């Protein structure tokens, strides 16, 4: 199998997106803003080796190493490389810090065969509750919390002067959303926030750069999951039974289709009245995804 190399796209002046194909498990996107001799980095990477490659890409673009790193959420593929950029200030939502410290080396537990390298869990030094504005030279960077969505501690990074938005994992371009640690209802509300920004370029958490049309396909998927969950629960089916009998239709070609059962676990919990973002039995969710994956454990591609 040919492994595609990460590549850099410059969607606007001073704005760079770092894309790791094919955007599957552990292959996230990052990016940076550089203006006036300062750099702000959005997210890092899942392994020490990949974080070092990201560091070299920043330097190769002629940007100084970042003073600030914004984490869009706590998951290890977006945060494990934080320590590589020390002594940069790490910024994230209040809940992202708490979630990252609680998760610790969770990815190593899920994927023990993956070489993550020397990972030092480095949580945000500076946290915020609702919104935060940073300035990189003359470039305004708005960091917005959409509420509980992909996780309880998501951040959207919006550059109003450049019409570019880094969505984190609120959007997977060509990939299946993942709601196990967040909320289906909250993810729909987050899409409304993203629409209100009127961005031209969307840098998703995984997959190639896109535009706001990605919000429409994501919403169709989320509403499909909601209806599937309602029907399955009324029939007394488990999330796994509902997922195995589902016709994915237009979403069948999206990466990680096994996430459907994880998303149904979340949707069932919300139908049962559980609070948005309430913890699920993640090991049970992973077991069901393994079944959906033909009995083969899901793989970290980093």
Protein backbone atom coordinates (compact mmCIF):
# COMPACT_ATOMS: atom_id res chain seq x y z
CA UNK A 1 0.00 0.00 0.00
CA UNK A 2 1.31 3.43 -0.96
CA UNK A 3 1.26 5.89 1.92
CA UNK A 4 0.69 9.47 0.77
CA UNK A 5 2.87 12.13 2.33
CA UNK A 6 1.44 15.10 4.21
CA UNK A 7 1.16 18.26 2.15
CA UNK A 8 0.73 21.98 2.77
CA UNK A 9 -1.98 24.18 1.24
CA UNK A 10 -2.04 27.98 1.54
CA UNK A 11 -5.72 29.00 1.28
CA UNK A 12 -5.10 32.67 2.16
CA UNK A 13 -2.26 35.06 2.86
CA UNK A 14 -0.35 33.91 5.90
CA UNK A 15 -2.61 30.87 6.43
CA UNK A 16 -1.41 27.30 5.92
CA UNK A 17 -3.18 23.96 6.21
CA UNK A 18 -1.19 20.78 6.87
CA UNK A 19 -3.10 17.80 5.46
CA UNK A 20 -2.28 14.18 6.30
CA UNK A 21 -3.84 11.79 3.75
CA UNK A 22 -6.05 9.91 3.75
CA UNK A 23 -7.51 11.45 6.87
CA UNK A 24 -8.33 8.10 8.48
CA UNK A 25 -7.91 7.10 12.12
CA UNK A 26 -5.02 9.13 13.66
CA UNK A 27 -4.30 11.05 10.43
CA UNK A 28 -5.50 14.52 11.36
CA UNK A 29 -5.03 17.94 9.83
CA UNK A 30 -3.19 20.83 11.43
CA UNK A 31 -2.27 24.30 10.22
CA UNK A 32 -0.71 27.61 11.12
CA UNK A 33 -1.10 31.35 10.83
CA UNK A 34 1.99 33.50 10.34
CA UNK A 35 2.08 37.28 10.22
CA UNK A 36 4.61 39.80 11.44
CA UNK A 37 7.20 37.26 12.48
CA UNK A 38 4.81 35.33 14.77
CA UNK A 39 3.24 31.91 14.27
CA UNK A 40 0.15 30.32 15.77
CA UNK A 41 -0.29 26.58 15.22
CA UNK A 42 -3.66 24.81 15.12
CA UNK A 43 -3.33 21.24 16.48
CA UNK A 44 -0.33 18.93 16.39
CA UNK A 45 -0.25 15.21 15.51
CA UNK A 46 -0.68 11.69 16.86
CA UNK A 47 2.95 10.57 17.04
CA UNK A 48 6.29 12.11 17.87
CA UNK A 49 7.55 11.38 14.35
CA UNK A 50 4.58 13.09 12.71
CA UNK A 51 4.76 16.06 15.06
CA UNK A 52 8.43 16.52 14.17
CA UNK A 53 7.50 16.40 10.47
CA UNK A 54 4.87 19.10 11.11
CA UNK A 55 7.52 21.19 12.89
CA UNK A 56 9.80 20.89 9.86
CA UNK A 57 6.96 21.88 7.53
CA UNK A 58 6.41 25.09 9.51
CA UNK A 59 10.09 25.95 9.23
CA UNK A 60 10.22 24.99 5.54
CA UNK A 61 7.43 27.49 4.85
CA UNK A 62 9.65 30.23 6.26
CA UNK A 63 7.62 30.67 9.44
CA UNK A 64 9.16 30.89 12.90
CA UNK A 65 8.24 28.16 15.35
CA UNK A 66 4.91 28.87 17.02
CA UNK A 67 4.56 30.92 20.15
CA UNK A 68 1.03 29.58 20.55
CA UNK A 69 -0.68 26.25 19.82
CA UNK A 70 -4.49 26.02 19.79
CA UNK A 71 -5.95 22.53 20.30
CA UNK A 72 -9.36 22.05 18.67
CA UNK A 73 -10.13 19.26 21.17
CA UNK A 74 -8.36 16.77 23.43
CA UNK A 75 -8.04 13.68 21.22
CA UNK A 76 -4.47 12.43 20.96
CA UNK A 77 -4.22 12.72 17.18
CA UNK A 78 -4.65 16.49 17.63
CA UNK A 79 -2.65 16.91 20.87
CA UNK A 80 -0.02 14.20 21.36
CA UNK A 81 2.57 16.32 19.56
CA UNK A 82 2.09 19.36 21.80
CA UNK A 83 5.34 18.80 23.68
CA UNK A 84 7.34 18.90 20.42
CA UNK A 85 6.48 22.62 20.22
CA UNK A 86 7.59 23.54 23.74
CA UNK A 87 7.83 26.20 25.08
CA UNK A 88 4.81 27.37 23.04
CA UNK A 89 1.71 28.37 25.00
CA UNK A 90 -0.98 25.69 24.58
CA UNK A 91 -4.55 27.02 24.35
CA UNK A 92 -7.77 25.02 24.57
CA UNK A 93 -11.26 24.94 26.00
CA UNK A 94 -11.66 24.39 29.76
CA UNK A 95 -13.11 20.93 29.12
CA UNK A 96 -10.38 20.04 26.61
CA UNK A 97 -7.75 20.40 29.32
CA UNK A 98 -9.74 18.28 31.76
CA UNK A 99 -10.48 15.65 29.11
CA UNK A 100 -6.87 15.43 27.96
CA UNK A 101 -5.56 14.95 31.48
CA UNK A 102 -8.22 12.32 32.16
CA UNK A 103 -7.51 10.46 28.89
CA UNK A 104 -3.75 10.40 29.38
CA UNK A 105 -2.12 7.84 27.08
CA UNK A 106 -5.46 6.46 25.89
CA UNK A 107 -4.36 6.02 22.28
CA UNK A 108 -1.52 3.70 23.33
CA UNK A 109 -4.09 1.57 25.16
CA UNK A 110 -6.35 1.41 22.11
CA UNK A 111 -3.51 0.86 19.62
CA UNK A 112 -0.61 -0.76 21.51
CA UNK A 113 1.14 -1.82 18.28
CA UNK A 114 1.48 1.76 17.02
CA UNK A 115 4.83 3.50 17.53
CA UNK A 116 3.73 6.77 19.10
CA UNK A 117 7.28 7.67 20.13
CA UNK A 118 8.10 9.61 23.29
CA UNK A 119 4.77 11.25 24.05
CA UNK A 120 4.53 13.61 27.01
CA UNK A 121 0.92 14.54 27.71
CA UNK A 122 0.93 18.34 27.47
CA UNK A 123 -2.45 19.88 28.25
CA UNK A 124 -3.46 23.50 27.61
CA UNK A 125 -1.77 26.12 29.78
CA UNK A 126 -4.43 28.71 28.95
CA UNK A 127 -8.10 27.75 28.82
CA UNK A 128 -11.30 29.64 28.02
CA UNK A 129 -15.03 29.06 28.42
CA UNK A 130 -16.95 30.63 25.53
CA UNK A 131 -14.68 32.54 23.17
CA UNK A 132 -11.18 33.92 23.00
CA UNK A 133 -9.53 36.34 20.56
CA UNK A 134 -5.84 36.06 19.73
CA UNK A 135 -3.78 38.25 17.44
CA UNK A 136 -0.95 37.07 15.22
CA UNK A 137 0.53 40.32 14.03
CA UNK A 138 -2.40 41.99 12.28
CA UNK A 139 -4.35 38.75 11.85
CA UNK A 140 -7.31 38.26 14.18
CA UNK A 141 -7.86 34.68 15.35
CA UNK A 142 -11.17 33.94 17.03
CA UNK A 143 -11.36 30.72 19.07
CA UNK A 144 -14.99 29.72 19.61
CA UNK A 145 -16.56 26.95 21.69
CA UNK A 146 -19.56 25.47 19.83
CA UNK A 147 -20.88 23.62 22.88
CA UNK A 148 -20.82 19.85 23.21
CA UNK A 149 -20.37 18.43 19.69
CA UNK A 150 -17.51 16.10 18.71
CA UNK A 151 -16.38 16.27 22.36
CA UNK A 152 -17.35 18.45 25.32
CA UNK A 153 -14.31 20.67 24.75
CA UNK A 154 -14.27 21.54 21.04
CA UNK A 155 -12.81 24.76 19.62
CA UNK A 156 -13.41 26.33 16.23
CA UNK A 157 -10.58 28.55 14.96
CA UNK A 158 -11.99 31.31 12.77
CA UNK A 159 -9.95 33.85 10.80
CA UNK A 160 -12.54 36.48 9.80
CA UNK A 161 -10.07 38.58 7.83
CA UNK A 162 -9.03 35.55 5.76
CA UNK A 163 -12.45 33.80 5.55
CA UNK A 164 -10.80 30.53 6.66
CA UNK A 165 -12.10 28.28 9.44
CA UNK A 166 -10.38 25.35 11.13
CA UNK A 167 -13.27 23.17 12.29
CA UNK A 168 -11.42 20.45 14.16
CA UNK A 169 -13.44 17.24 14.08
CA UNK A 170 -16.79 18.96 13.69
CA UNK A 171 -16.17 18.16 10.01
CA UNK A 172 -14.58 15.07 8.44
CA UNK A 173 -14.20 15.65 4.70
CA UNK A 174 -15.00 12.32 3.06
CA UNK A 175 -15.04 10.63 6.46
CA UNK A 176 -17.72 9.54 8.92
CA UNK A 177 -18.42 11.82 11.90
CA UNK A 178 -17.61 10.40 15.35
CA UNK A 179 -19.90 11.32 18.24
CA UNK A 180 -18.96 8.79 20.91
CA UNK A 181 -17.53 11.48 23.22
CA UNK A 182 -19.86 14.29 22.24
CA UNK A 183 -23.43 14.85 21.13
CA UNK A 184 -25.58 14.34 18.07
CA UNK A 185 -27.90 17.23 18.90
CA UNK A 186 -24.91 19.38 19.80
CA UNK A 187 -23.18 18.55 16.52
CA UNK A 188 -26.21 19.83 14.62
CA UNK A 189 -26.08 23.08 16.61
CA UNK A 190 -22.34 23.36 15.90
CA UNK A 191 -23.06 23.28 12.17
CA UNK A 192 -25.29 26.32 12.61
CA UNK A 193 -22.42 28.16 14.27
CA UNK A 194 -20.11 27.22 11.40
CA UNK A 195 -22.64 28.42 8.84
CA UNK A 196 -22.94 31.76 10.61
CA UNK A 197 -19.23 32.45 10.09
CA UNK A 198 -19.60 32.60 6.30
CA UNK A 199 -16.20 31.07 5.63
CA UNK A 200 -14.89 30.52 2.11
CA UNK A 201 -12.37 27.79 3.00
CA UNK A 202 -13.04 25.01 5.48
CA UNK A 203 -10.08 23.14 6.96
CA UNK A 204 -11.65 19.96 8.38
CA UNK A 205 -10.18 17.90 11.18
CA UNK A 206 -9.53 15.09 8.69
CA UNK A 207 -9.56 14.96 4.90
CA UNK A 208 -8.84 17.50 2.15
CA UNK A 209 -9.73 21.17 2.33
CA UNK A 210 -13.31 21.87 1.42
CA UNK A 211 -15.95 24.59 1.49
CA UNK A 212 -19.20 25.15 3.42
CA UNK A 213 -20.99 22.53 1.30
CA UNK A 214 -19.41 20.04 3.71
CA UNK A 215 -21.82 21.25 6.36
CA UNK A 216 -24.79 20.09 4.30
CA UNK A 217 -23.52 16.53 3.82
CA UNK A 218 -22.54 16.33 7.50
CA UNK A 219 -26.02 17.46 8.53
CA UNK A 220 -27.67 14.88 6.26
CA UNK A 221 -25.60 12.17 7.92
CA UNK A 222 -26.42 13.34 11.43
CA UNK A 223 -30.15 13.46 10.67
CA UNK A 224 -29.89 9.99 9.12
CA UNK A 225 -28.33 8.68 12.35
CA UNK A 226 -31.02 10.36 14.44
CA UNK A 227 -33.83 8.75 12.43
CA UNK A 228 -32.10 5.37 12.38
CA UNK A 229 -31.70 5.50 16.16
CA UNK A 230 -35.34 6.44 16.69
CA UNK A 231 -36.55 3.57 14.53
CA UNK A 232 -34.14 1.03 16.00
CA UNK A 233 -34.91 1.95 19.59
CA UNK A 234 -38.66 1.74 18.95
CA UNK A 235 -38.12 -1.80 17.63
CA UNK A 236 -36.12 -2.75 20.71
CA UNK A 237 -32.91 -3.25 18.74
CA UNK A 238 -29.45 -2.61 20.16
CA UNK A 239 -27.24 0.00 18.49
CA UNK A 240 -25.22 -2.84 16.93
CA UNK A 241 -28.32 -4.60 15.58
CA UNK A 242 -29.58 -1.33 14.15
CA UNK A 243 -26.21 -0.54 12.56
CA UNK A 244 -25.83 -3.99 11.00
CA UNK A 245 -29.23 -3.71 9.34
CA UNK A 246 -28.72 -0.19 8.04
CA UNK A 247 -28.37 0.92 4.43
CA UNK A 248 -25.74 3.67 4.41
CA UNK A 249 -26.73 4.91 0.98
CA UNK A 250 -24.79 8.03 0.03
CA UNK A 251 -22.59 7.65 3.12
CA UNK A 252 -21.33 4.14 2.29
CA UNK A 253 -18.20 5.46 0.59
CA UNK A 254 -17.12 7.60 3.54
CA UNK A 255 -14.07 6.44 5.51
CA UNK A 256 -14.61 4.65 8.83
CA UNK A 257 -18.22 3.64 8.19
CA UNK A 258 -17.95 1.46 11.32
CA UNK A 259 -18.39 4.68 13.31
CA UNK A 260 -22.10 4.37 12.61
CA UNK A 261 -22.54 2.07 15.59
CA UNK A 262 -20.63 4.46 17.87
CA UNK A 263 -22.88 7.28 16.71
CA UNK A 264 -25.96 5.16 17.37
CA UNK A 265 -24.75 4.50 20.91
CA UNK A 266 -24.65 8.28 21.39
CA UNK A 267 -28.03 8.82 19.75
CA UNK A 268 -29.63 6.08 21.88
CA UNK A 269 -28.21 7.71 25.03
CA UNK A 270 -29.70 11.07 24.08
CA UNK A 271 -33.08 9.47 23.30
CA UNK A 272 -32.94 7.92 26.77
CA UNK A 273 -32.51 11.39 28.26
CA UNK A 274 -28.80 11.20 29.04
CA UNK A 275 -27.04 14.59 29.14
CA UNK A 276 -25.12 15.60 26.03
CA UNK A 277 -21.54 14.40 26.35
CA UNK A 278 -22.33 11.97 29.18
CA UNK A 279 -19.62 9.25 29.16
CA UNK A 280 -20.38 6.08 27.21
CA UNK A 281 -18.77 2.67 27.75
CA UNK A 282 -16.00 3.32 25.24
CA UNK A 283 -14.69 -0.25 25.33
CA UNK A 284 -18.17 -1.52 24.43
CA UNK A 285 -18.32 1.03 21.61
CA UNK A 286 -14.92 -0.12 20.32
CA UNK A 287 -16.03 -3.76 20.44
CA UNK A 288 -19.11 -2.95 18.40
CA UNK A 289 -17.01 -1.02 15.87
CA UNK A 290 -14.77 -4.07 15.56
CA UNK A 291 -17.81 -6.17 14.71
CA UNK A 292 -18.90 -3.57 12.15
CA UNK A 293 -15.38 -3.69 10.72
CA UNK A 294 -15.80 -7.35 9.87
CA UNK A 295 -14.26 -8.54 13.12
CA UNK A 296 -10.99 -6.72 12.42
CA UNK A 297 -9.95 -4.16 15.04
CA UNK A 298 -9.87 -0.59 13.77
CA UNK A 299 -6.33 0.52 12.99
CA UNK A 300 -4.43 3.71 13.75
CA UNK A 301 -2.80 4.71 10.44
CA UNK A 302 -0.23 7.05 11.93
